[in-house]
C-alpha atoms as a PDB file:
ATOM      1  CA  MET A   1      18.383  -7.853  17.762  1.00  0.00           C
ATOM      2  CA  LEU A   2      15.048  -6.525  16.605  1.00  0.00           C
ATOM      3  CA  VAL A   3      14.569  -6.416  12.841  1.00  0.00           C
ATOM      4  CA  LEU A   4      11.500  -4.923  11.210  1.00  0.00           C
ATOM      5  CA  VAL A   5      10.746  -6.724   7.934  1.00  0.00           C
ATOM      6  CA  SER A   6       8.357  -5.275   5.376  1.00  0.00           C
ATOM      7  CA  TYR A   7       7.559  -6.592   1.931  1.00  0.00           C
ATOM      8  CA  ASP A   8       5.623  -5.863  -1.226  1.00  0.00           C
ATOM      9  CA  VAL A   9       4.912  -8.860  -3.456  1.00  0.00           C
ATOM     10  CA  VAL A  10       3.276  -8.379  -6.861  1.00  0.00           C
ATOM     11  CA  THR A  11       0.356 -10.812  -6.826  1.00  0.00           C
ATOM     12  CA  SER A  12      -0.761 -10.123 -10.414  1.00  0.00           C
ATOM     13  CA  SER A  13       2.336 -11.840 -11.836  1.00  0.00           C
ATOM     14  CA  PRO A  14       2.546 -15.615 -12.305  1.00  0.00           C
ATOM     15  CA  GLY A  15       3.250 -17.231  -8.940  1.00  0.00           C
ATOM     16  CA  GLY A  16       2.756 -13.941  -7.092  1.00  0.00           C
ATOM     17  CA  LYS A  17       0.077 -15.158  -4.684  1.00  0.00           C
ATOM     18  CA  ARG A  18       2.182 -18.206  -3.850  1.00  0.00           C
ATOM     19  CA  ARG A  19       5.253 -16.020  -3.238  1.00  0.00           C
ATOM     20  CA  LEU A  20       3.174 -13.742  -0.995  1.00  0.00           C
ATOM     21  CA  ARG A  21       1.987 -16.689   1.126  1.00  0.00           C
ATOM     22  CA  ARG A  22       5.527 -18.094   1.357  1.00  0.00           C
ATOM     23  CA  VAL A  23       7.017 -14.736   2.422  1.00  0.00           C
ATOM     24  CA  ALA A  24       4.332 -14.301   5.107  1.00  0.00           C
ATOM     25  CA  LYS A  25       4.896 -17.851   6.401  1.00  0.00           C
ATOM     26  CA  ILE A  26       8.669 -17.352   6.625  1.00  0.00           C
ATOM     27  CA  CYS A  27       8.164 -14.104   8.547  1.00  0.00           C
ATOM     28  CA  LEU A  28       5.642 -15.750  10.886  1.00  0.00           C
ATOM     29  CA  ASN A  29       8.222 -18.440  11.645  1.00  0.00           C
ATOM     30  CA  HIS A  30      10.659 -15.756  12.825  1.00  0.00           C
ATOM     31  CA  GLY A  31       8.497 -13.024  14.337  1.00  0.00           C
ATOM     32  CA  GLN A  32       5.124 -11.401  14.775  1.00  0.00           C
ATOM     33  CA  ARG A  33       2.949  -9.614  12.249  1.00  0.00           C
ATOM     34  CA  VAL A  34       2.365  -5.976  13.186  1.00  0.00           C
ATOM     35  CA  GLN A  35       0.666  -4.973   9.918  1.00  0.00           C
ATOM     36  CA  TYR A  36      -0.355  -6.966   6.846  1.00  0.00           C
ATOM     37  CA  SER A  37       3.121  -6.854   5.289  1.00  0.00           C
ATOM     38  CA  VAL A  38       5.205  -5.836   8.318  1.00  0.00           C
ATOM     39  CA  PHE A  39       6.800  -8.150  10.895  1.00  0.00           C
ATOM     40  CA  GLU A  40       8.886  -7.603  14.023  1.00  0.00           C
ATOM     41  CA  CYS A  41      11.512 -10.314  14.366  1.00  0.00           C
ATOM     42  CA  ILE A  42      13.822 -10.790  17.328  1.00  0.00           C
ATOM     43  CA  VAL A  43      16.744 -12.774  15.955  1.00  0.00           C
ATOM     44  CA  ASP A  44      20.398 -13.462  16.649  1.00  0.00           C
ATOM     45  CA  PRO A  45      22.927 -13.065  13.805  1.00  0.00           C
ATOM     46  CA  ALA A  46      22.599 -16.686  12.643  1.00  0.00           C
ATOM     47  CA  GLN A  47      18.789 -16.519  12.648  1.00  0.00           C
ATOM     48  CA  TRP A  48      18.940 -13.180  10.801  1.00  0.00           C
ATOM     49  CA  ALA A  49      21.139 -14.682   8.059  1.00  0.00           C
ATOM     50  CA  LEU A  50      18.724 -17.600   7.696  1.00  0.00           C
ATOM     51  CA  LEU A  51      15.634 -15.341   7.604  1.00  0.00           C
ATOM     52  CA  LYS A  52      17.141 -12.983   5.020  1.00  0.00           C
ATOM     53  CA  ASN A  53      18.326 -15.818   2.764  1.00  0.00           C
ATOM     54  CA  GLU A  54      14.963 -17.593   2.949  1.00  0.00           C
ATOM     55  CA  LEU A  55      13.137 -14.401   1.946  1.00  0.00           C
ATOM     56  CA  ILE A  56      15.537 -13.513  -0.866  1.00  0.00           C
ATOM     57  CA  ASN A  57      15.215 -17.030  -2.282  1.00  0.00           C
ATOM     58  CA  VAL A  58      11.406 -16.717  -2.427  1.00  0.00           C
ATOM     59  CA  ILE A  59      10.858 -13.275  -3.935  1.00  0.00           C
ATOM     60  CA  ASP A  60      11.157 -12.160  -7.555  1.00  0.00           C
ATOM     61  CA  GLU A  61      13.708  -9.336  -7.297  1.00  0.00           C
ATOM     62  CA  GLU A  62      12.476  -7.869 -10.602  1.00  0.00           C
ATOM     63  CA  LYS A  63       8.961  -7.319  -9.212  1.00  0.00           C
ATOM     64  CA  ASP A  64       8.908  -7.732  -5.423  1.00  0.00           C
ATOM     65  CA  SER A  65      10.537  -5.753  -2.641  1.00  0.00           C
ATOM     66  CA  LEU A  66      11.894  -6.501   0.843  1.00  0.00           C
ATOM     67  CA  ARG A  67      12.910  -3.873   3.409  1.00  0.00           C
ATOM     68  CA  PHE A  68      14.784  -4.589   6.628  1.00  0.00           C
ATOM     69  CA  TYR A  69      15.011  -2.097   9.494  1.00  0.00           C
ATOM     70  CA  PHE A  70      17.497  -2.762  12.269  1.00  0.00           C
ATOM     71  CA  LEU A  71      16.102  -0.737  15.148  1.00  0.00           C
ATOM     72  CA  GLY A  72      18.454   1.153  17.424  1.00  0.00           C
ATOM     73  CA  ALA A  73      20.126   4.532  17.994  1.00  0.00           C
ATOM     74  CA  ASP A  74      22.142   4.381  14.756  1.00  0.00           C
ATOM     75  CA  TRP A  75      19.201   3.525  12.499  1.00  0.00           C
ATOM     76  CA  GLN A  76      20.481   5.354   9.384  1.00  0.00           C
ATOM     77  CA  ARG A  77      23.214   2.765   8.827  1.00  0.00           C
ATOM     78  CA  HIS A  78      20.925  -0.177   9.483  1.00  0.00           C
ATOM     79  CA  VAL A  79      18.297  -0.041   6.756  1.00  0.00           C
ATOM     80  CA  GLY A  80      18.716  -2.640   4.019  1.00  0.00           C
ATOM     81  CA  HIS A  81      16.702  -3.033   0.839  1.00  0.00           C
ATOM     82  CA  VAL A  82      16.411  -5.810  -1.735  1.00  0.00           C
ATOM     83  CA  GLY A  83      14.208  -5.756  -4.788  1.00  0.00           C
ATOM     84  CA  ALA A  84      12.558  -3.694  -7.455  1.00  0.00           C
ATOM     85  CA  LYS A  85      11.421  -0.534  -5.691  1.00  0.00           C
ATOM     86  CA  GLU A  86      13.549   2.587  -5.455  1.00  0.00           C
ATOM     87  CA  THR A  87      14.577   3.732  -1.989  1.00  0.00           C
ATOM     88  CA  VAL A  88      14.335   7.275  -0.642  1.00  0.00           C
ATOM     89  CA  ASP A  89      16.985   8.836   1.580  1.00  0.00           C
ATOM     90  CA  LEU A  90      14.749  10.644   4.080  1.00  0.00           C
ATOM     91  CA  GLU A  91      17.534  13.012   5.144  1.00  0.00           C
ATOM     92  CA  ARG A  92      18.687  13.923   1.637  1.00  0.00           C
ATOM     93  CA  ASP A  93      15.619  13.641  -0.618  1.00  0.00           C
ATOM     94  CA  SER A  94      12.662  15.915  -0.009  1.00  0.00           C
ATOM     95  CA  LEU A  95       8.995  15.390  -0.696  1.00  0.00           C
ATOM     96  CA  ILE A  96       7.024  18.310  -2.110  1.00  0.00           C
ATOM     97  CA  ILE A  97       3.282  18.181  -1.641  1.00  0.00           C
END
């Protein structure tokens, strides 16, 4: 399966730069960087469980954020989020500019 992993790590907090480097290295071990904080990872279920657990164990959930997108026809059910940032339901919440 193809999983898109994106992250936001607060580097101004103690250990933030180290966490950022560790998150990037874990993602590089499982996929390819497509933007600075975005990786495409082709993984089977066991590899996915390992990748997710490695990332969750590195980040500070009070400050950092991970987003996982499971690409496919039923994408609405396959977006997971871990961490400090609020999520937006693109179908329900509206943005007024």
